[in-house]
């Protein structure tokens, strides 16, 4: 990642830590568009969308993470939680089960 993108990512992290999720998401959208294979930026974008209650967008980013990195357990959790918050509980179950299998954390099981 080039220096300007690193700086933008750092700014987005600050916004996220200060619970300014929409501001973080706006910055991260640019970062992800410039560096689409950056898993850290895409994960933080999914989290920012989730916390900003932009659940469809969080779902889209989590699905993209899973498509690129199928064994990313956290992406499965983000997707499952996004689905649950949209009252799509049955759709969330397989993602929670897979996250539990990947991490060994049975607390994730529905």
PDB file of N, CA and C in Angstrom:
ATOM      1  N   UNK A   1       0.863  -1.171   0.000  1.00  0.00           N
ATOM      2  CA  UNK A   1       0.000   0.000   0.000  1.00  0.00           C
ATOM      3  C   UNK A   1       0.908   1.232   0.000  1.00  0.00           C
ATOM      4  N   UNK A   2       0.589   2.179  -0.836  1.00  0.00           N
ATOM      5  CA  UNK A   2       1.413   3.380  -0.908  1.00  0.00           C
ATOM      6  C   UNK A   2       1.187   4.275   0.304  1.00  0.00           C
ATOM      7  N   UNK A   3       2.084   5.234   0.491  1.00  0.00           N
ATOM      8  CA  UNK A   3       2.074   6.072   1.692  1.00  0.00           C
ATOM      9  C   UNK A   3       0.768   6.837   1.888  1.00  0.00           C
ATOM     10  N   UNK A   4       0.213   7.398   0.826  1.00  0.00           N
ATOM     11  CA  UNK A   4      -1.024   8.169   0.992  1.00  0.00           C
ATOM     12  C   UNK A   4      -2.180   7.267   1.433  1.00  0.00           C
ATOM     13  N   UNK A   5      -2.200   6.042   0.921  1.00  0.00           N
ATOM     14  CA  UNK A   5      -3.250   5.110   1.354  1.00  0.00           C
ATOM     15  C   UNK A   5      -3.037   4.686   2.797  1.00  0.00           C
ATOM     16  N   UNK A   6      -1.783   4.506   3.193  1.00  0.00           N
ATOM     17  CA  UNK A   6      -1.501   4.177   4.602  1.00  0.00           C
ATOM     18  C   UNK A   6      -1.972   5.305   5.516  1.00  0.00           C
ATOM     19  N   UNK A   7      -1.735   6.534   5.091  1.00  0.00           N
ATOM     20  CA  UNK A   7      -2.166   7.690   5.881  1.00  0.00           C
ATOM     21  C   UNK A   7      -3.689   7.726   5.976  1.00  0.00           C
ATOM     22  N   UNK A   8      -4.354   7.505   4.859  1.00  0.00           N
ATOM     23  CA  UNK A   8      -5.815   7.482   4.868  1.00  0.00           C
ATOM     24  C   UNK A   8      -6.340   6.354   5.753  1.00  0.00           C
ATOM     25  N   UNK A   9      -5.704   5.185   5.657  1.00  0.00           N
ATOM     26  CA  UNK A   9      -6.117   4.068   6.500  1.00  0.00           C
ATOM     27  C   UNK A   9      -5.959   4.432   7.973  1.00  0.00           C
ATOM     28  N   UNK A  10      -4.851   5.064   8.317  1.00  0.00           N
ATOM     29  CA  UNK A  10      -4.630   5.500   9.698  1.00  0.00           C
ATOM     30  C   UNK A  10      -5.689   6.486  10.158  1.00  0.00           C
ATOM     31  N   UNK A  11      -6.065   7.402   9.272  1.00  0.00           N
ATOM     32  CA  UNK A  11      -7.126   8.358   9.607  1.00  0.00           C
ATOM     33  C   UNK A  11      -8.452   7.632   9.830  1.00  0.00           C
ATOM     34  N   UNK A  12      -8.715   6.651   8.988  1.00  0.00           N
ATOM     35  CA  UNK A  12      -9.943   5.876   9.138  1.00  0.00           C
ATOM     36  C   UNK A  12      -9.951   5.120  10.471  1.00  0.00           C
ATOM     37  N   UNK A  13      -8.795   4.573  10.852  1.00  0.00           N
ATOM     38  CA  UNK A  13      -8.711   3.873  12.147  1.00  0.00           C
ATOM     39  C   UNK A  13      -9.020   4.827  13.298  1.00  0.00           C
ATOM     40  N   UNK A  14      -8.523   6.045  13.220  1.00  0.00           N
ATOM     41  CA  UNK A  14      -8.800   7.037  14.271  1.00  0.00           C
ATOM     42  C   UNK A  14     -10.295   7.324  14.334  1.00  0.00           C
ATOM     43  N   UNK A  15     -10.915   7.558  13.181  1.00  0.00           N
ATOM     44  CA  UNK A  15     -12.365   7.796  13.157  1.00  0.00           C
ATOM     45  C   UNK A  15     -13.107   6.597  13.746  1.00  0.00           C
ATOM     46  N   UNK A  16     -12.702   5.403  13.372  1.00  0.00           N
ATOM     47  CA  UNK A  16     -13.356   4.204  13.871  1.00  0.00           C
ATOM     48  C   UNK A  16     -13.228   4.121  15.398  1.00  0.00           C
ATOM     49  N   UNK A  17     -12.028   4.327  15.907  1.00  0.00           N
ATOM     50  CA  UNK A  17     -11.806   4.258  17.359  1.00  0.00           C
ATOM     51  C   UNK A  17     -12.626   5.305  18.103  1.00  0.00           C
ATOM     52  N   UNK A  18     -12.888   6.422  17.441  1.00  0.00           N
ATOM     53  CA  UNK A  18     -13.680   7.484  18.057  1.00  0.00           C
ATOM     54  C   UNK A  18     -15.175   7.326  17.757  1.00  0.00           C
ATOM     55  N   UNK A  19     -15.527   6.165  17.239  1.00  0.00           N
ATOM     56  CA  UNK A  19     -16.907   5.787  16.942  1.00  0.00           C
ATOM     57  C   UNK A  19     -17.563   6.698  15.909  1.00  0.00           C
ATOM     58  N   UNK A  20     -16.745   7.237  15.025  1.00  0.00           N
ATOM     59  CA  UNK A  20     -17.258   8.008  13.886  1.00  0.00           C
ATOM     60  C   UNK A  20     -17.211   7.071  12.671  1.00  0.00           C
ATOM     61  N   UNK A  21     -18.132   6.135  12.685  1.00  0.00           N
ATOM     62  CA  UNK A  21     -18.096   5.036  11.735  1.00  0.00           C
ATOM     63  C   UNK A  21     -18.368   5.468  10.292  1.00  0.00           C
ATOM     64  N   UNK A  22     -19.266   6.398  10.107  1.00  0.00           N
ATOM     65  CA  UNK A  22     -19.556   6.850   8.746  1.00  0.00           C
ATOM     66  C   UNK A  22     -18.360   7.581   8.142  1.00  0.00           C
ATOM     67  N   UNK A  23     -17.680   8.368   8.943  1.00  0.00           N
ATOM     68  CA  UNK A  23     -16.480   9.054   8.463  1.00  0.00           C
ATOM     69  C   UNK A  23     -15.393   8.046   8.116  1.00  0.00           C
ATOM     70  N   UNK A  24     -15.247   7.043   8.974  1.00  0.00           N
ATOM     71  CA  UNK A  24     -14.268   5.988   8.702  1.00  0.00           C
ATOM     72  C   UNK A  24     -14.616   5.272   7.407  1.00  0.00           C
ATOM     73  N   UNK A  25     -15.885   4.957   7.231  1.00  0.00           N
ATOM     74  CA  UNK A  25     -16.317   4.245   6.023  1.00  0.00           C
ATOM     75  C   UNK A  25     -16.044   5.061   4.767  1.00  0.00           C
ATOM     76  N   UNK A  26     -16.293   6.354   4.822  1.00  0.00           N
ATOM     77  CA  UNK A  26     -16.063   7.201   3.645  1.00  0.00           C
ATOM     78  C   UNK A  26     -14.600   7.162   3.223  1.00  0.00           C
ATOM     79  N   UNK A  27     -13.707   7.213   4.181  1.00  0.00           N
ATOM     80  CA  UNK A  27     -12.273   7.151   3.879  1.00  0.00           C
ATOM     81  C   UNK A  27     -11.903   5.764   3.367  1.00  0.00           C
ATOM     82  N   UNK A  28     -12.419   4.750   4.034  1.00  0.00           N
ATOM     83  CA  UNK A  28     -12.076   3.370   3.669  1.00  0.00           C
ATOM     84  C   UNK A  28     -12.609   2.978   2.296  1.00  0.00           C
ATOM     85  N   UNK A  29     -13.702   3.559   1.879  1.00  0.00           N
ATOM     86  CA  UNK A  29     -14.207   3.291   0.536  1.00  0.00           C
ATOM     87  C   UNK A  29     -13.156   3.662  -0.510  1.00  0.00           C
ATOM     88  N   UNK A  30     -12.486   4.779  -0.290  1.00  0.00           N
ATOM     89  CA  UNK A  30     -11.434   5.222  -1.206  1.00  0.00           C
ATOM     90  C   UNK A  30     -10.251   4.264  -1.145  1.00  0.00           C
ATOM     91  N   UNK A  31      -9.852   3.906   0.073  1.00  0.00           N
ATOM     92  CA  UNK A  31      -8.717   3.003   0.245  1.00  0.00           C
ATOM     93  C   UNK A  31      -8.985   1.667  -0.442  1.00  0.00           C
ATOM     94  N   UNK A  32     -10.167   1.111  -0.225  1.00  0.00           N
ATOM     95  CA  UNK A  32     -10.513  -0.191  -0.806  1.00  0.00           C
ATOM     96  C   UNK A  32     -10.611  -0.097  -2.331  1.00  0.00           C
ATOM     97  N   UNK A  33     -11.097   1.027  -2.832  1.00  0.00           N
ATOM     98  CA  UNK A  33     -11.169   1.148  -4.290  1.00  0.00           C
ATOM     99  C   UNK A  33      -9.775   1.209  -4.910  1.00  0.00           C
ATOM    100  N   UNK A  34      -8.820   1.780  -4.177  1.00  0.00           N
ATOM    101  CA  UNK A  34      -7.440   1.870  -4.668  1.00  0.00           C
ATOM    102  C   UNK A  34      -6.635   0.596  -4.398  1.00  0.00           C
ATOM    103  N   UNK A  35      -6.996  -0.117  -3.341  1.00  0.00           N
ATOM    104  CA  UNK A  35      -6.269  -1.336  -2.958  1.00  0.00           C
ATOM    105  C   UNK A  35      -7.278  -2.428  -2.614  1.00  0.00           C
ATOM    106  N   UNK A  36      -7.987  -2.961  -3.619  1.00  0.00           N
ATOM    107  CA  UNK A  36      -9.068  -3.919  -3.352  1.00  0.00           C
ATOM    108  C   UNK A  36      -8.633  -5.224  -2.694  1.00  0.00           C
ATOM    109  N   UNK A  37      -7.359  -5.562  -2.784  1.00  0.00           N
ATOM    110  CA  UNK A  37      -6.910  -6.813  -2.173  1.00  0.00           C
ATOM    111  C   UNK A  37      -6.374  -6.609  -0.758  1.00  0.00           C
ATOM    112  N   UNK A  38      -6.541  -5.417  -0.214  1.00  0.00           N
ATOM    113  CA  UNK A  38      -6.083  -5.144   1.149  1.00  0.00           C
ATOM    114  C   UNK A  38      -7.143  -5.637   2.134  1.00  0.00           C
ATOM    115  N   UNK A  39      -6.879  -6.774   2.747  1.00  0.00           N
ATOM    116  CA  UNK A  39      -7.851  -7.392   3.655  1.00  0.00           C
ATOM    117  C   UNK A  39      -8.111  -6.538   4.887  1.00  0.00           C
ATOM    118  N   UNK A  40      -7.089  -5.882   5.406  1.00  0.00           N
ATOM    119  CA  UNK A  40      -7.274  -5.061   6.608  1.00  0.00           C
ATOM    120  C   UNK A  40      -8.223  -3.906   6.344  1.00  0.00           C
ATOM    121  N   UNK A  41      -8.045  -3.241   5.218  1.00  0.00           N
ATOM    122  CA  UNK A  41      -8.909  -2.111   4.882  1.00  0.00           C
ATOM    123  C   UNK A  41     -10.336  -2.578   4.638  1.00  0.00           C
ATOM    124  N   UNK A  42     -10.484  -3.686   3.927  1.00  0.00           N
ATOM    125  CA  UNK A  42     -11.826  -4.191   3.624  1.00  0.00           C
ATOM    126  C   UNK A  42     -12.521  -4.665   4.907  1.00  0.00           C
ATOM    127  N   UNK A  43     -11.784  -5.288   5.812  1.00  0.00           N
ATOM    128  CA  UNK A  43     -12.374  -5.735   7.079  1.00  0.00           C
ATOM    129  C   UNK A  43     -12.822  -4.544   7.910  1.00  0.00           C
ATOM    130  N   UNK A  44     -11.975  -3.522   7.996  1.00  0.00           N
ATOM    131  CA  UNK A  44     -12.359  -2.334   8.770  1.00  0.00           C
ATOM    132  C   UNK A  44     -13.550  -1.636   8.122  1.00  0.00           C
ATOM    133  N   UNK A  45     -13.616  -1.638   6.795  1.00  0.00           N
ATOM    134  CA  UNK A  45     -14.765  -1.058   6.100  1.00  0.00           C
ATOM    135  C   UNK A  45     -16.031  -1.832   6.451  1.00  0.00           C
ATOM    136  N   UNK A  46     -15.969  -3.141   6.425  1.00  0.00           N
ATOM    137  CA  UNK A  46     -17.132  -3.953   6.792  1.00  0.00           C
ATOM    138  C   UNK A  46     -17.566  -3.664   8.225  1.00  0.00           C
ATOM    139  N   UNK A  47     -16.597  -3.556   9.116  1.00  0.00           N
ATOM    140  CA  UNK A  47     -16.910  -3.248  10.526  1.00  0.00           C
ATOM    141  C   UNK A  47     -17.514  -1.863  10.669  1.00  0.00           C
ATOM    142  N   UNK A  48     -16.968  -0.885   9.944  1.00  0.00           N
ATOM    143  CA  UNK A  48     -17.501   0.481  10.011  1.00  0.00           C
ATOM    144  C   UNK A  48     -18.943   0.506   9.518  1.00  0.00           C
ATOM    145  N   UNK A  49     -19.199  -0.163   8.406  1.00  0.00           N
ATOM    146  CA  UNK A  49     -20.570  -0.239   7.903  1.00  0.00           C
ATOM    147  C   UNK A  49     -21.487  -0.896   8.938  1.00  0.00           C
ATOM    148  N   UNK A  50     -21.023  -1.982   9.535  1.00  0.00           N
ATOM    149  CA  UNK A  50     -21.830  -2.694  10.527  1.00  0.00           C
ATOM    150  C   UNK A  50     -22.196  -1.769  11.692  1.00  0.00           C
ATOM    151  N   UNK A  51     -21.207  -1.089  12.230  1.00  0.00           N
ATOM    152  CA  UNK A  51     -21.454  -0.215  13.385  1.00  0.00           C
ATOM    153  C   UNK A  51     -22.264   1.018  13.016  1.00  0.00           C
ATOM    154  N   UNK A  52     -22.229   1.412  11.748  1.00  0.00           N
ATOM    155  CA  UNK A  52     -23.036   2.541  11.282  1.00  0.00           C
ATOM    156  C   UNK A  52     -24.433   2.092  10.854  1.00  0.00           C
ATOM    157  N   UNK A  53     -24.737   0.822  11.078  1.00  0.00           N
ATOM    158  CA  UNK A  53     -26.022   0.226  10.702  1.00  0.00           C
ATOM    159  C   UNK A  53     -26.263   0.291   9.196  1.00  0.00           C
ATOM    160  N   UNK A  54     -25.199   0.238   8.449  1.00  0.00           N
ATOM    161  CA  UNK A  54     -25.273   0.149   6.985  1.00  0.00           C
ATOM    162  C   UNK A  54     -25.089  -1.334   6.653  1.00  0.00           C
ATOM    163  N   UNK A  55     -26.097  -2.097   7.006  1.00  0.00           N
ATOM    164  CA  UNK A  55     -25.954  -3.549   7.066  1.00  0.00           C
ATOM    165  C   UNK A  55     -25.813  -4.217   5.709  1.00  0.00           C
ATOM    166  N   UNK A  56     -26.481  -3.718   4.702  1.00  0.00           N
ATOM    167  CA  UNK A  56     -26.323  -4.307   3.359  1.00  0.00           C
ATOM    168  C   UNK A  56     -24.891  -4.116   2.866  1.00  0.00           C
ATOM    169  N   UNK A  57     -24.340  -2.955   3.126  1.00  0.00           N
ATOM    170  CA  UNK A  57     -22.963  -2.708   2.712  1.00  0.00           C
ATOM    171  C   UNK A  57     -21.991  -3.560   3.517  1.00  0.00           C
ATOM    172  N   UNK A  58     -22.252  -3.719   4.805  1.00  0.00           N
ATOM    173  CA  UNK A  58     -21.409  -4.594   5.627  1.00  0.00           C
ATOM    174  C   UNK A  58     -21.465  -6.014   5.090  1.00  0.00           C
ATOM    175  N   UNK A  59     -22.658  -6.440   4.742  1.00  0.00           N
ATOM    176  CA  UNK A  59     -22.844  -7.780   4.177  1.00  0.00           C
ATOM    177  C   UNK A  59     -22.044  -7.924   2.880  1.00  0.00           C
ATOM    178  N   UNK A  60     -22.122  -6.938   2.009  1.00  0.00           N
ATOM    179  CA  UNK A  60     -21.400  -6.993   0.728  1.00  0.00           C
ATOM    180  C   UNK A  60     -19.893  -7.109   0.949  1.00  0.00           C
ATOM    181  N   UNK A  61     -19.362  -6.314   1.861  1.00  0.00           N
ATOM    182  CA  UNK A  61     -17.920  -6.351   2.117  1.00  0.00           C
ATOM    183  C   UNK A  61     -17.508  -7.680   2.739  1.00  0.00           C
ATOM    184  N   UNK A  62     -18.323  -8.195   3.650  1.00  0.00           N
ATOM    185  CA  UNK A  62     -18.006  -9.488   4.265  1.00  0.00           C
ATOM    186  C   UNK A  62     -18.034 -10.601   3.223  1.00  0.00           C
ATOM    187  N   UNK A  63     -18.990 -10.547   2.327  1.00  0.00           N
ATOM    188  CA  UNK A  63     -19.053 -11.557   1.261  1.00  0.00           C
ATOM    189  C   UNK A  63     -17.824 -11.461   0.349  1.00  0.00           C
ATOM    190  N   UNK A  64     -17.389 -10.245   0.073  1.00  0.00           N
ATOM    191  CA  UNK A  64     -16.186 -10.062  -0.743  1.00  0.00           C
ATOM    192  C   UNK A  64     -14.959 -10.626  -0.027  1.00  0.00           C
ATOM    193  N   UNK A  65     -14.864 -10.390   1.269  1.00  0.00           N
ATOM    194  CA  UNK A  65     -13.760 -10.948   2.056  1.00  0.00           C
ATOM    195  C   UNK A  65     -13.764 -12.468   1.989  1.00  0.00           C
ATOM    196  N   UNK A  66     -14.932 -13.056   2.154  1.00  0.00           N
ATOM    197  CA  UNK A  66     -15.050 -14.514   2.140  1.00  0.00           C
ATOM    198  C   UNK A  66     -14.711 -15.064   0.758  1.00  0.00           C
ATOM    199  N   UNK A  67     -15.122 -14.357  -0.277  1.00  0.00           N
ATOM    200  CA  UNK A  67     -14.797 -14.805  -1.630  1.00  0.00           C
ATOM    201  C   UNK A  67     -13.285 -14.802  -1.853  1.00  0.00           C
ATOM    202  N   UNK A  68     -12.618 -13.785  -1.363  1.00  0.00           N
ATOM    203  CA  UNK A  68     -11.168 -13.664  -1.552  1.00  0.00           C
ATOM    204  C   UNK A  68     -10.382 -14.540  -0.577  1.00  0.00           C
ATOM    205  N   UNK A  69     -10.861 -14.616   0.665  1.00  0.00           N
ATOM    206  CA  UNK A  69     -10.163 -15.359   1.724  1.00  0.00           C
ATOM    207  C   UNK A  69     -11.182 -16.225   2.464  1.00  0.00           C
ATOM    208  N   UNK A  70     -11.513 -17.385   1.920  1.00  0.00           N
ATOM    209  CA  UNK A  70     -12.578 -18.228   2.483  1.00  0.00           C
ATOM    210  C   UNK A  70     -12.347 -18.683   3.922  1.00  0.00           C
ATOM    211  N   UNK A  71     -11.110 -18.697   4.382  1.00  0.00           N
ATOM    212  CA  UNK A  71     -10.845 -19.158   5.746  1.00  0.00           C
ATOM    213  C   UNK A  71     -10.732 -17.996   6.738  1.00  0.00           C
ATOM    214  N   UNK A  72     -11.162 -16.818   6.352  1.00  0.00           N
ATOM    215  CA  UNK A  72     -11.164 -15.662   7.250  1.00  0.00           C
ATOM    216  C   UNK A  72     -12.373 -15.787   8.175  1.00  0.00           C
ATOM    217  N   UNK A  73     -12.146 -16.327   9.344  1.00  0.00           N
ATOM    218  CA  UNK A  73     -13.239 -16.583  10.287  1.00  0.00           C
ATOM    219  C   UNK A  73     -13.958 -15.299  10.681  1.00  0.00           C
ATOM    220  N   UNK A  74     -13.194 -14.226  10.843  1.00  0.00           N
ATOM    221  CA  UNK A  74     -13.816 -12.965  11.258  1.00  0.00           C
ATOM    222  C   UNK A  74     -14.778 -12.452  10.190  1.00  0.00           C
ATOM    223  N   UNK A  75     -14.456 -12.648   8.921  1.00  0.00           N
ATOM    224  CA  UNK A  75     -15.365 -12.239   7.845  1.00  0.00           C
ATOM    225  C   UNK A  75     -16.681 -13.010   7.944  1.00  0.00           C
ATOM    226  N   UNK A  76     -16.600 -14.283   8.306  1.00  0.00           N
ATOM    227  CA  UNK A  76     -17.818 -15.079   8.481  1.00  0.00           C
ATOM    228  C   UNK A  76     -18.650 -14.535   9.642  1.00  0.00           C
ATOM    229  N   UNK A  77     -17.988 -14.119  10.700  1.00  0.00           N
ATOM    230  CA  UNK A  77     -18.703 -13.552  11.848  1.00  0.00           C
ATOM    231  C   UNK A  77     -19.365 -12.233  11.461  1.00  0.00           C
ATOM    232  N   UNK A  78     -18.630 -11.367  10.771  1.00  0.00           N
ATOM    233  CA  UNK A  78     -19.209 -10.084  10.343  1.00  0.00           C
ATOM    234  C   UNK A  78     -20.436 -10.328   9.463  1.00  0.00           C
ATOM    235  N   UNK A  79     -20.309 -11.263   8.531  1.00  0.00           N
ATOM    236  CA  UNK A  79     -21.441 -11.563   7.660  1.00  0.00           C
ATOM    237  C   UNK A  79     -22.618 -12.089   8.468  1.00  0.00           C
ATOM    238  N   UNK A  80     -22.364 -13.015   9.357  1.00  0.00           N
ATOM    239  CA  UNK A  80     -23.442 -13.592  10.167  1.00  0.00           C
ATOM    240  C   UNK A  80     -24.129 -12.528  11.016  1.00  0.00           C
ATOM    241  N   UNK A  81     -23.357 -11.688  11.667  1.00  0.00           N
ATOM    242  CA  UNK A  81     -23.945 -10.641  12.516  1.00  0.00           C
ATOM    243  C   UNK A  81     -24.734  -9.626  11.680  1.00  0.00           C
ATOM    244  N   UNK A  82     -24.233  -9.332  10.489  1.00  0.00           N
ATOM    245  CA  UNK A  82     -24.963  -8.420   9.599  1.00  0.00           C
ATOM    246  C   UNK A  82     -26.296  -9.027   9.179  1.00  0.00           C
ATOM    247  N   UNK A  83     -26.284 -10.299   8.869  1.00  0.00           N
ATOM    248  CA  UNK A  83     -27.524 -10.987   8.508  1.00  0.00           C
ATOM    249  C   UNK A  83     -28.484 -11.029   9.692  1.00  0.00           C
ATOM    250  N   UNK A  84     -27.971 -11.316  10.872  1.00  0.00           N
ATOM    251  CA  UNK A  84     -28.825 -11.375  12.058  1.00  0.00           C
ATOM    252  C   UNK A  84     -29.493 -10.026  12.321  1.00  0.00           C
ATOM    253  N   UNK A  85     -28.732  -8.947  12.177  1.00  0.00           N
ATOM    254  CA  UNK A  85     -29.301  -7.614  12.427  1.00  0.00           C
ATOM    255  C   UNK A  85     -30.335  -7.231  11.374  1.00  0.00           C
ATOM    256  N   UNK A  86     -30.343  -7.947  10.254  1.00  0.00           N
ATOM    257  CA  UNK A  86     -31.363  -7.741   9.231  1.00  0.00           C
ATOM    258  C   UNK A  86     -32.510  -8.744   9.397  1.00  0.00           C
ATOM    259  N   UNK A  87     -32.520  -9.444  10.525  1.00  0.00           N
ATOM    260  CA  UNK A  87     -33.526 -10.470  10.828  1.00  0.00           C
ATOM    261  C   UNK A  87     -33.501 -11.616   9.832  1.00  0.00           C
ATOM    262  N   UNK A  88     -32.314 -11.936   9.355  1.00  0.00           N
ATOM    263  CA  UNK A  88     -32.122 -13.054   8.424  1.00  0.00           C
ATOM    264  C   UNK A  88     -31.338 -14.142   9.168  1.00  0.00           C
ATOM    265  N   UNK A  89     -31.916 -14.564  10.288  1.00  0.00           N
ATOM    266  CA  UNK A  89     -31.239 -15.465  11.216  1.00  0.00           C
ATOM    267  C   UNK A  89     -30.873 -16.813  10.604  1.00  0.00           C
ATOM    268  N   UNK A  90     -31.769 -17.376   9.830  1.00  0.00           N
ATOM    269  CA  UNK A  90     -31.484 -18.679   9.223  1.00  0.00           C
ATOM    270  C   UNK A  90     -30.301 -18.602   8.259  1.00  0.00           C
ATOM    271  N   UNK A  91     -30.178 -17.491   7.547  1.00  0.00           N
ATOM    272  CA  UNK A  91     -29.060 -17.315   6.618  1.00  0.00           C
ATOM    273  C   UNK A  91     -27.735 -17.181   7.366  1.00  0.00           C
ATOM    274  N   UNK A  92     -27.784 -16.691   8.589  1.00  0.00           N
ATOM    275  CA  UNK A  92     -26.563 -16.459   9.369  1.00  0.00           C
ATOM    276  C   UNK A  92     -25.960 -17.746   9.925  1.00  0.00           C
ATOM    277  N   UNK A  93     -26.786 -18.743  10.158  1.00  0.00           N
ATOM    278  CA  UNK A  93     -26.344 -19.966  10.833  1.00  0.00           C
ATOM    279  C   UNK A  93     -25.128 -20.629  10.187  1.00  0.00           C
ATOM    280  N   UNK A  94     -25.112 -20.868   8.874  1.00  0.00           N
ATOM    281  CA  UNK A  94     -23.942 -21.547   8.302  1.00  0.00           C
ATOM    282  C   UNK A  94     -22.644 -20.771   8.482  1.00  0.00           C
ATOM    283  N   UNK A  95     -22.735 -19.451   8.462  1.00  0.00           N
ATOM    284  CA  UNK A  95     -21.528 -18.629   8.626  1.00  0.00           C
ATOM    285  C   UNK A  95     -21.017 -18.683  10.059  1.00  0.00           C
ATOM    286  N   UNK A  96     -21.936 -18.733  11.004  1.00  0.00           N
ATOM    287  CA  UNK A  96     -21.516 -18.875  12.404  1.00  0.00           C
ATOM    288  C   UNK A  96     -20.897 -20.256  12.640  1.00  0.00           C
ATOM    289  N   UNK A  97     -21.486 -21.267  12.045  1.00  0.00           N
ATOM    290  CA  UNK A  97     -20.935 -22.621  12.201  1.00  0.00           C
ATOM    291  C   UNK A  97     -19.547 -22.718  11.600  1.00  0.00           C
ATOM    292  N   UNK A  98     -19.359 -22.135  10.444  1.00  0.00           N
ATOM    293  CA  UNK A  98     -18.048 -22.175   9.810  1.00  0.00           C
ATOM    294  C   UNK A  98     -17.029 -21.385  10.624  1.00  0.00           C
ATOM    295  N   UNK A  99     -17.428 -20.225  11.139  1.00  0.00           N
ATOM    296  CA  UNK A  99     -16.522 -19.437  11.979  1.00  0.00           C
ATOM    297  C   UNK A  99     -16.127 -20.233  13.221  1.00  0.00           C
ATOM    298  N   UNK A 100     -17.084 -20.920  13.815  1.00  0.00           N
ATOM    299  CA  UNK A 100     -16.792 -21.749  14.990  1.00  0.00           C
ATOM    300  C   UNK A 100     -15.829 -22.870  14.628  1.00  0.00           C
ATOM    301  N   UNK A 101     -16.029 -23.488  13.478  1.00  0.00           N
ATOM    302  CA  UNK A 101     -15.138 -24.571  13.045  1.00  0.00           C
ATOM    303  C   UNK A 101     -13.733 -24.041  12.767  1.00  0.00           C
ATOM    304  N   UNK A 102     -13.642 -22.864  12.171  1.00  0.00           N
ATOM    305  CA  UNK A 102     -12.336 -22.293  11.838  1.00  0.00           C
ATOM    306  C   UNK A 102     -11.556 -21.854  13.078  1.00  0.00           C
ATOM    307  N   UNK A 103     -12.281 -21.398  14.101  1.00  0.00           N
ATOM    308  CA  UNK A 103     -11.613 -20.867  15.287  1.00  0.00           C
ATOM    309  C   UNK A 103     -11.593 -21.832  16.461  1.00  0.00           C
ATOM    310  N   UNK A 104     -12.489 -22.815  16.450  1.00  0.00           N
ATOM    311  CA  UNK A 104     -12.620 -23.699  17.603  1.00  0.00           C
ATOM    312  C   UNK A 104     -13.409 -23.062  18.728  1.00  0.00           C
ATOM    313  N   UNK A 105     -14.072 -21.931  18.452  1.00  0.00           N
ATOM    314  CA  UNK A 105     -14.829 -21.195  19.457  1.00  0.00           C
ATOM    315  C   UNK A 105     -16.298 -21.601  19.378  1.00  0.00           C
ATOM    316  N   UNK A 106     -16.704 -22.505  20.244  1.00  0.00           N
ATOM    317  CA  UNK A 106     -18.080 -22.987  20.248  1.00  0.00           C
ATOM    318  C   UNK A 106     -19.071 -21.925  20.700  1.00  0.00           C
ATOM    319  N   UNK A 107     -18.604 -20.834  21.288  1.00  0.00           N
ATOM    320  CA  UNK A 107     -19.507 -19.752  21.683  1.00  0.00           C
ATOM    321  C   UNK A 107     -20.136 -19.077  20.465  1.00  0.00           C
ATOM    322  N   UNK A 108     -19.554 -19.271  19.296  1.00  0.00           N
ATOM    323  CA  UNK A 108     -20.107 -18.702  18.068  1.00  0.00           C
ATOM    324  C   UNK A 108     -21.286 -19.498  17.543  1.00  0.00           C
ATOM    325  N   UNK A 109     -21.431 -20.734  18.004  1.00  0.00           N
ATOM    326  CA  UNK A 109     -22.500 -21.590  17.499  1.00  0.00           C
ATOM    327  C   UNK A 109     -23.859 -21.032  17.905  1.00  0.00           C
ATOM    328  N   UNK A 110     -24.808 -21.106  16.968  1.00  0.00           N
ATOM    329  CA  UNK A 110     -26.160 -20.592  17.277  1.00  0.00           C
ATOM    330  C   UNK A 110     -26.889 -21.482  18.255  1.00  0.00           C
TER     331      UNK A 110
END
